[in-house]
Amino acid sequence: MACLLNETAHQARFKARNPNLPLIEALERAGVEVRWYNYALAHQGFRKGEVAPGVKVDLSAMMTLANLQMRGWAVIAD
């Protein structure tokens, strides 16, 4: 998920600007929460300090799902 890296980390790894940062900012302004999971972050070789501003880092998808369900969100499985 290199698209969620901050500018410095993206430049260092790919020698190019991160073209996704304006989209992340627009999503945040629209009330969308962009999340990246710490386990996935580490597995992909990224560090928490490399995450773009506005992107929230949760421990795991399973914990986020459990917390959302406790707040009344429903899981719609296919």
PDB file of N, CA and C in Angstrom:
ATOM      1  N   MET A   1       0.828  -1.196   0.000  1.00  0.00           N
ATOM      2  CA  MET A   1       0.000   0.000   0.000  1.00  0.00           C
ATOM      3  C   MET A   1       0.868   1.253   0.000  1.00  0.00           C
ATOM      4  N   ALA A   2       1.806   1.287  -0.892  1.00  0.00           N
ATOM      5  CA  ALA A   2       2.697   2.433  -0.999  1.00  0.00           C
ATOM      6  C   ALA A   2       1.923   3.720  -1.276  1.00  0.00           C
ATOM      7  N   CYS A   3       0.692   3.596  -1.741  1.00  0.00           N
ATOM      8  CA  CYS A   3      -0.122   4.794  -2.019  1.00  0.00           C
ATOM      9  C   CYS A   3      -0.427   5.571  -0.751  1.00  0.00           C
ATOM     10  N   LEU A   4      -0.244   4.958   0.423  1.00  0.00           N
ATOM     11  CA  LEU A   4      -0.543   5.628   1.681  1.00  0.00           C
ATOM     12  C   LEU A   4       0.695   6.168   2.382  1.00  0.00           C
ATOM     13  N   LEU A   5       1.836   6.164   1.680  1.00  0.00           N
ATOM     14  CA  LEU A   5       3.065   6.691   2.274  1.00  0.00           C
ATOM     15  C   LEU A   5       3.082   8.214   2.234  1.00  0.00           C
ATOM     16  N   ASN A   6       3.785   8.810   3.210  1.00  0.00           N
ATOM     17  CA  ASN A   6       3.953  10.258   3.183  1.00  0.00           C
ATOM     18  C   ASN A   6       4.935  10.625   2.070  1.00  0.00           C
ATOM     19  N   GLU A   7       5.053  11.907   1.792  1.00  0.00           N
ATOM     20  CA  GLU A   7       5.872  12.366   0.661  1.00  0.00           C
ATOM     21  C   GLU A   7       7.330  11.950   0.805  1.00  0.00           C
ATOM     22  N   THR A   8       7.888  12.105   1.978  1.00  0.00           N
ATOM     23  CA  THR A   8       9.298  11.780   2.201  1.00  0.00           C
ATOM     24  C   THR A   8       9.574  10.304   1.960  1.00  0.00           C
ATOM     25  N   ALA A   9       8.749   9.442   2.525  1.00  0.00           N
ATOM     26  CA  ALA A   9       8.944   7.997   2.368  1.00  0.00           C
ATOM     27  C   ALA A   9       8.740   7.563   0.923  1.00  0.00           C
ATOM     28  N   HIS A  10       7.731   8.139   0.268  1.00  0.00           N
ATOM     29  CA  HIS A  10       7.463   7.779  -1.127  1.00  0.00           C
ATOM     30  C   HIS A  10       8.625   8.212  -2.017  1.00  0.00           C
ATOM     31  N   GLN A  11       9.131   9.413  -1.808  1.00  0.00           N
ATOM     32  CA  GLN A  11      10.278   9.908  -2.582  1.00  0.00           C
ATOM     33  C   GLN A  11      11.498   9.010  -2.380  1.00  0.00           C
ATOM     34  N   ALA A  12      11.763   8.633  -1.132  1.00  0.00           N
ATOM     35  CA  ALA A  12      12.934   7.809  -0.828  1.00  0.00           C
ATOM     36  C   ALA A  12      12.852   6.435  -1.487  1.00  0.00           C
ATOM     37  N   ARG A  13      11.670   5.867  -1.529  1.00  0.00           N
ATOM     38  CA  ARG A  13      11.522   4.516  -2.077  1.00  0.00           C
ATOM     39  C   ARG A  13      11.349   4.480  -3.585  1.00  0.00           C
ATOM     40  N   PHE A  14      10.646   5.444  -4.135  1.00  0.00           N
ATOM     41  CA  PHE A  14      10.264   5.376  -5.549  1.00  0.00           C
ATOM     42  C   PHE A  14      10.806   6.519  -6.400  1.00  0.00           C
ATOM     43  N   LYS A  15      11.522   7.452  -5.767  1.00  0.00           N
ATOM     44  CA  LYS A  15      12.096   8.593  -6.495  1.00  0.00           C
ATOM     45  C   LYS A  15      11.027   9.380  -7.253  1.00  0.00           C
ATOM     46  N   ALA A  16       9.859   9.460  -6.649  1.00  0.00           N
ATOM     47  CA  ALA A  16       8.741  10.183  -7.253  1.00  0.00           C
ATOM     48  C   ALA A  16       7.800  10.658  -6.155  1.00  0.00           C
ATOM     49  N   ARG A  17       7.067  11.713  -6.472  1.00  0.00           N
ATOM     50  CA  ARG A  17       6.059  12.220  -5.529  1.00  0.00           C
ATOM     51  C   ARG A  17       4.928  11.208  -5.407  1.00  0.00           C
ATOM     52  N   ASN A  18       4.238  11.255  -4.277  1.00  0.00           N
ATOM     53  CA  ASN A  18       3.084  10.381  -4.078  1.00  0.00           C
ATOM     54  C   ASN A  18       1.854  11.076  -4.677  1.00  0.00           C
ATOM     55  N   PRO A  19       1.346  10.580  -5.805  1.00  0.00           N
ATOM     56  CA  PRO A  19       0.215  11.240  -6.456  1.00  0.00           C
ATOM     57  C   PRO A  19      -1.108  11.043  -5.718  1.00  0.00           C
ATOM     58  N   ASN A  20      -1.110  10.217  -4.693  1.00  0.00           N
ATOM     59  CA  ASN A  20      -2.342   9.901  -3.972  1.00  0.00           C
ATOM     60  C   ASN A  20      -2.639  10.845  -2.807  1.00  0.00           C
ATOM     61  N   LEU A  21      -1.686  11.664  -2.431  1.00  0.00           N
ATOM     62  CA  LEU A  21      -1.887  12.524  -1.262  1.00  0.00           C
ATOM     63  C   LEU A  21      -3.060  13.490  -1.412  1.00  0.00           C
ATOM     64  N   PRO A  22      -3.261  14.121  -2.566  1.00  0.00           N
ATOM     65  CA  PRO A  22      -4.442  14.990  -2.702  1.00  0.00           C
ATOM     66  C   PRO A  22      -5.759  14.215  -2.530  1.00  0.00           C
ATOM     67  N   LEU A  23      -5.801  12.980  -3.014  1.00  0.00           N
ATOM     68  CA  LEU A  23      -7.011  12.171  -2.844  1.00  0.00           C
ATOM     69  C   LEU A  23      -7.243  11.845  -1.374  1.00  0.00           C
ATOM     70  N   ILE A  24      -6.186  11.480  -0.653  1.00  0.00           N
ATOM     71  CA  ILE A  24      -6.316  11.192   0.778  1.00  0.00           C
ATOM     72  C   ILE A  24      -6.837  12.422   1.514  1.00  0.00           C
ATOM     73  N   GLU A  25      -6.305  13.583   1.180  1.00  0.00           N
ATOM     74  CA  GLU A  25      -6.752  14.841   1.800  1.00  0.00           C
ATOM     75  C   GLU A  25      -8.215  15.118   1.476  1.00  0.00           C
ATOM     76  N   ALA A  26      -8.623  14.910   0.227  1.00  0.00           N
ATOM     77  CA  ALA A  26     -10.012  15.145  -0.176  1.00  0.00           C
ATOM     78  C   ALA A  26     -10.949  14.186   0.544  1.00  0.00           C
ATOM     79  N   LEU A  27     -10.551  12.942   0.663  1.00  0.00           N
ATOM     80  CA  LEU A  27     -11.371  11.965   1.385  1.00  0.00           C
ATOM     81  C   LEU A  27     -11.534  12.374   2.845  1.00  0.00           C
ATOM     82  N   GLU A  28     -10.445  12.818   3.458  1.00  0.00           N
ATOM     83  CA  GLU A  28     -10.502  13.247   4.853  1.00  0.00           C
ATOM     84  C   GLU A  28     -11.446  14.444   5.008  1.00  0.00           C
ATOM     85  N   ARG A  29     -11.362  15.410   4.088  1.00  0.00           N
ATOM     86  CA  ARG A  29     -12.263  16.576   4.150  1.00  0.00           C
ATOM     87  C   ARG A  29     -13.720  16.161   3.993  1.00  0.00           C
ATOM     88  N   ALA A  30     -13.961  15.077   3.258  1.00  0.00           N
ATOM     89  CA  ALA A  30     -15.329  14.592   3.043  1.00  0.00           C
ATOM     90  C   ALA A  30     -15.812  13.712   4.195  1.00  0.00           C
ATOM     91  N   GLY A  31     -14.966  13.511   5.194  1.00  0.00           N
ATOM     92  CA  GLY A  31     -15.376  12.739   6.357  1.00  0.00           C
ATOM     93  C   GLY A  31     -15.033  11.255   6.285  1.00  0.00           C
ATOM     94  N   VAL A  32     -14.257  10.862   5.296  1.00  0.00           N
ATOM     95  CA  VAL A  32     -13.861   9.458   5.149  1.00  0.00           C
ATOM     96  C   VAL A  32     -12.604   9.214   5.977  1.00  0.00           C
ATOM     97  N   GLU A  33     -12.575   8.128   6.704  1.00  0.00           N
ATOM     98  CA  GLU A  33     -11.376   7.750   7.448  1.00  0.00           C
ATOM     99  C   GLU A  33     -10.608   6.721   6.628  1.00  0.00           C
ATOM    100  N   VAL A  34      -9.362   7.048   6.312  1.00  0.00           N
ATOM    101  CA  VAL A  34      -8.480   6.112   5.618  1.00  0.00           C
ATOM    102  C   VAL A  34      -7.637   5.439   6.685  1.00  0.00           C
ATOM    103  N   ARG A  35      -7.661   4.109   6.685  1.00  0.00           N
ATOM    104  CA  ARG A  35      -6.959   3.354   7.719  1.00  0.00           C
ATOM    105  C   ARG A  35      -5.986   2.356   7.109  1.00  0.00           C
ATOM    106  N   TRP A  36      -4.897   2.154   7.828  1.00  0.00           N
ATOM    107  CA  TRP A  36      -3.892   1.156   7.464  1.00  0.00           C
ATOM    108  C   TRP A  36      -3.632   0.370   8.729  1.00  0.00           C
ATOM    109  N   TYR A  37      -3.461  -0.893   8.606  1.00  0.00           N
ATOM    110  CA  TYR A  37      -3.322  -1.748   9.778  1.00  0.00           C
ATOM    111  C   TYR A  37      -1.862  -2.030  10.063  1.00  0.00           C
ATOM    112  N   ASN A  38      -1.491  -1.912  11.339  1.00  0.00           N
ATOM    113  CA  ASN A  38      -0.106  -2.040  11.760  1.00  0.00           C
ATOM    114  C   ASN A  38       0.521  -3.351  11.298  1.00  0.00           C
ATOM    115  N   TYR A  39      -0.234  -4.444  11.367  1.00  0.00           N
ATOM    116  CA  TYR A  39       0.316  -5.733  10.930  1.00  0.00           C
ATOM    117  C   TYR A  39       0.639  -5.695   9.439  1.00  0.00           C
ATOM    118  N   ALA A  40      -0.237  -5.144   8.635  1.00  0.00           N
ATOM    119  CA  ALA A  40       0.000  -5.044   7.190  1.00  0.00           C
ATOM    120  C   ALA A  40       1.154  -4.087   6.910  1.00  0.00           C
ATOM    121  N   LEU A  41       1.197  -3.003   7.638  1.00  0.00           N
ATOM    122  CA  LEU A  41       2.265  -2.019   7.496  1.00  0.00           C
ATOM    123  C   LEU A  41       3.627  -2.681   7.702  1.00  0.00           C
ATOM    124  N   ALA A  42       3.762  -3.402   8.808  1.00  0.00           N
ATOM    125  CA  ALA A  42       5.028  -4.068   9.122  1.00  0.00           C
ATOM    126  C   ALA A  42       5.342  -5.171   8.122  1.00  0.00           C
ATOM    127  N   HIS A  43       4.337  -5.928   7.734  1.00  0.00           N
ATOM    128  CA  HIS A  43       4.544  -7.028   6.786  1.00  0.00           C
ATOM    129  C   HIS A  43       5.057  -6.509   5.443  1.00  0.00           C
ATOM    130  N   GLN A  44       4.620  -5.317   5.064  1.00  0.00           N
ATOM    131  CA  GLN A  44       5.037  -4.732   3.791  1.00  0.00           C
ATOM    132  C   GLN A  44       6.356  -3.972   3.907  1.00  0.00           C
ATOM    133  N   GLY A  45       6.929  -3.945   5.102  1.00  0.00           N
ATOM    134  CA  GLY A  45       8.227  -3.305   5.296  1.00  0.00           C
ATOM    135  C   GLY A  45       8.188  -1.808   5.513  1.00  0.00           C
ATOM    136  N   PHE A  46       7.020  -1.283   5.893  1.00  0.00           N
ATOM    137  CA  PHE A  46       6.888   0.143   6.151  1.00  0.00           C
ATOM    138  C   PHE A  46       6.845   0.388   7.651  1.00  0.00           C
ATOM    139  N   ARG A  47       7.138   1.630   8.048  1.00  0.00           N
ATOM    140  CA  ARG A  47       7.077   2.012   9.456  1.00  0.00           C
ATOM    141  C   ARG A  47       5.951   3.029   9.657  1.00  0.00           C
ATOM    142  N   LYS A  48       5.463   3.091  10.886  1.00  0.00           N
ATOM    143  CA  LYS A  48       4.347   3.990  11.200  1.00  0.00           C
ATOM    144  C   LYS A  48       4.674   5.440  10.856  1.00  0.00           C
ATOM    145  N   GLY A  49       5.921   5.839  11.031  1.00  0.00           N
ATOM    146  CA  GLY A  49       6.332   7.208  10.731  1.00  0.00           C
ATOM    147  C   GLY A  49       6.335   7.541   9.252  1.00  0.00           C
ATOM    148  N   GLU A  50       6.130   6.543   8.393  1.00  0.00           N
ATOM    149  CA  GLU A  50       6.119   6.765   6.948  1.00  0.00           C
ATOM    150  C   GLU A  50       4.709   6.944   6.381  1.00  0.00           C
ATOM    151  N   VAL A  51       3.722   6.895   7.241  1.00  0.00           N
ATOM    152  CA  VAL A  51       2.326   6.973   6.806  1.00  0.00           C
ATOM    153  C   VAL A  51       1.943   8.425   6.512  1.00  0.00           C
ATOM    154  N   ALA A  52       1.168   8.603   5.460  1.00  0.00           N
ATOM    155  CA  ALA A  52       0.723   9.938   5.053  1.00  0.00           C
ATOM    156  C   ALA A  52      -0.123  10.596   6.137  1.00  0.00           C
ATOM    157  N   PRO A  53      -0.058  11.921   6.224  1.00  0.00           N
ATOM    158  CA  PRO A  53      -0.913  12.629   7.178  1.00  0.00           C
ATOM    159  C   PRO A  53      -2.386  12.320   6.888  1.00  0.00           C
ATOM    160  N   GLY A  54      -3.143  12.153   7.953  1.00  0.00           N
ATOM    161  CA  GLY A  54      -4.562  11.863   7.810  1.00  0.00           C
ATOM    162  C   GLY A  54      -4.897  10.385   7.792  1.00  0.00           C
ATOM    163  N   VAL A  55      -3.909   9.531   7.523  1.00  0.00           N
ATOM    164  CA  VAL A  55      -4.147   8.087   7.514  1.00  0.00           C
ATOM    165  C   VAL A  55      -3.983   7.574   8.940  1.00  0.00           C
ATOM    166  N   LYS A  56      -4.995   6.888   9.425  1.00  0.00           N
ATOM    167  CA  LYS A  56      -4.955   6.347  10.775  1.00  0.00           C
ATOM    168  C   LYS A  56      -4.372   4.929  10.738  1.00  0.00           C
ATOM    169  N   VAL A  57      -3.554   4.615  11.729  1.00  0.00           N
ATOM    170  CA  VAL A  57      -2.960   3.283  11.816  1.00  0.00           C
ATOM    171  C   VAL A  57      -3.599   2.561  12.992  1.00  0.00           C
ATOM    172  N   ASP A  58      -4.274   1.455  12.685  1.00  0.00           N
ATOM    173  CA  ASP A  58      -4.897   0.616  13.707  1.00  0.00           C
ATOM    174  C   ASP A  58      -4.039  -0.619  13.920  1.00  0.00           C
ATOM    175  N   LEU A  59      -4.215  -1.269  15.055  1.00  0.00           N
ATOM    176  CA  LEU A  59      -3.454  -2.474  15.348  1.00  0.00           C
ATOM    177  C   LEU A  59      -3.718  -3.555  14.306  1.00  0.00           C
ATOM    178  N   SER A  60      -4.983  -3.864  14.097  1.00  0.00           N
ATOM    179  CA  SER A  60      -5.325  -4.907  13.124  1.00  0.00           C
ATOM    180  C   SER A  60      -6.736  -4.677  12.603  1.00  0.00           C
ATOM    181  N   ALA A  61      -7.002  -5.250  11.442  1.00  0.00           N
ATOM    182  CA  ALA A  61      -8.335  -5.131  10.853  1.00  0.00           C
ATOM    183  C   ALA A  61      -9.377  -5.791  11.758  1.00  0.00           C
ATOM    184  N   MET A  62      -9.009  -6.909  12.363  1.00  0.00           N
ATOM    185  CA  MET A  62      -9.950  -7.625  13.218  1.00  0.00           C
ATOM    186  C   MET A  62     -10.355  -6.776  14.432  1.00  0.00           C
ATOM    187  N   MET A  63      -9.399  -6.070  15.011  1.00  0.00           N
ATOM    188  CA  MET A  63      -9.721  -5.208  16.155  1.00  0.00           C
ATOM    189  C   MET A  63     -10.608  -4.042  15.733  1.00  0.00           C
ATOM    190  N   THR A  64     -10.318  -3.458  14.587  1.00  0.00           N
ATOM    191  CA  THR A  64     -11.147  -2.361  14.082  1.00  0.00           C
ATOM    192  C   THR A  64     -12.558  -2.846  13.829  1.00  0.00           C
ATOM    193  N   LEU A  65     -12.686  -4.002  13.199  1.00  0.00           N
ATOM    194  CA  LEU A  65     -14.003  -4.564  12.921  1.00  0.00           C
ATOM    195  C   LEU A  65     -14.781  -4.807  14.213  1.00  0.00           C
ATOM    196  N   ALA A  66     -14.123  -5.385  15.213  1.00  0.00           N
ATOM    197  CA  ALA A  66     -14.794  -5.641  16.497  1.00  0.00           C
ATOM    198  C   ALA A  66     -15.239  -4.332  17.150  1.00  0.00           C
ATOM    199  N   ASN A  67     -14.392  -3.322  17.111  1.00  0.00           N
ATOM    200  CA  ASN A  67     -14.748  -2.026  17.709  1.00  0.00           C
ATOM    201  C   ASN A  67     -15.915  -1.367  16.984  1.00  0.00           C
ATOM    202  N   LEU A  68     -15.926  -1.447  15.660  1.00  0.00           N
ATOM    203  CA  LEU A  68     -17.040  -0.869  14.907  1.00  0.00           C
ATOM    204  C   LEU A  68     -18.342  -1.606  15.190  1.00  0.00           C
ATOM    205  N   GLN A  69     -18.278  -2.917  15.310  1.00  0.00           N
ATOM    206  CA  GLN A  69     -19.485  -3.693  15.615  1.00  0.00           C
ATOM    207  C   GLN A  69     -20.027  -3.327  16.990  1.00  0.00           C
ATOM    208  N   MET A  70     -19.139  -3.089  17.950  1.00  0.00           N
ATOM    209  CA  MET A  70     -19.594  -2.696  19.293  1.00  0.00           C
ATOM    210  C   MET A  70     -20.280  -1.336  19.263  1.00  0.00           C
ATOM    211  N   ARG A  71     -19.957  -0.502  18.252  1.00  0.00           N
ATOM    212  CA  ARG A  71     -20.569   0.821  18.114  1.00  0.00           C
ATOM    213  C   ARG A  71     -21.811   0.799  17.226  1.00  0.00           C
ATOM    214  N   GLY A  72     -22.247  -0.411  16.837  1.00  0.00           N
ATOM    215  CA  GLY A  72     -23.488  -0.517  16.092  1.00  0.00           C
ATOM    216  C   GLY A  72     -23.361  -0.743  14.605  1.00  0.00           C
ATOM    217  N   TRP A  73     -22.149  -0.770  14.079  1.00  0.00           N
ATOM    218  CA  TRP A  73     -21.965  -1.050  12.651  1.00  0.00           C
ATOM    219  C   TRP A  73     -22.222  -2.523  12.390  1.00  0.00           C
ATOM    220  N   ALA A  74     -22.723  -2.845  11.230  1.00  0.00           N
ATOM    221  CA  ALA A  74     -23.021  -4.241  10.880  1.00  0.00           C
ATOM    222  C   ALA A  74     -22.030  -4.734   9.832  1.00  0.00           C
ATOM    223  N   VAL A  75     -21.755  -6.016   9.895  1.00  0.00           N
ATOM    224  CA  VAL A  75     -20.921  -6.664   8.881  1.00  0.00           C
ATOM    225  C   VAL A  75     -21.838  -7.294   7.852  1.00  0.00           C
ATOM    226  N   ILE A  76     -21.605  -6.961   6.599  1.00  0.00           N
ATOM    227  CA  ILE A  76     -22.388  -7.565   5.528  1.00  0.00           C
ATOM    228  C   ILE A  76     -21.425  -8.493   4.776  1.00  0.00           C
ATOM    229  N   ALA A  77     -21.550  -9.765   5.034  1.00  0.00           N
ATOM    230  CA  ALA A  77     -20.663 -10.743   4.390  1.00  0.00           C
ATOM    231  C   ALA A  77     -21.274 -11.201   3.077  1.00  0.00           C
ATOM    232  N   ASP A  78     -20.402 -11.500   2.143  1.00  0.00           N
ATOM    233  CA  ASP A  78     -20.910 -11.960   0.851  1.00  0.00           C
ATOM    234  C   ASP A  78     -21.020 -13.462   0.799  1.00  0.00           C
TER     235      ASP A  78
END
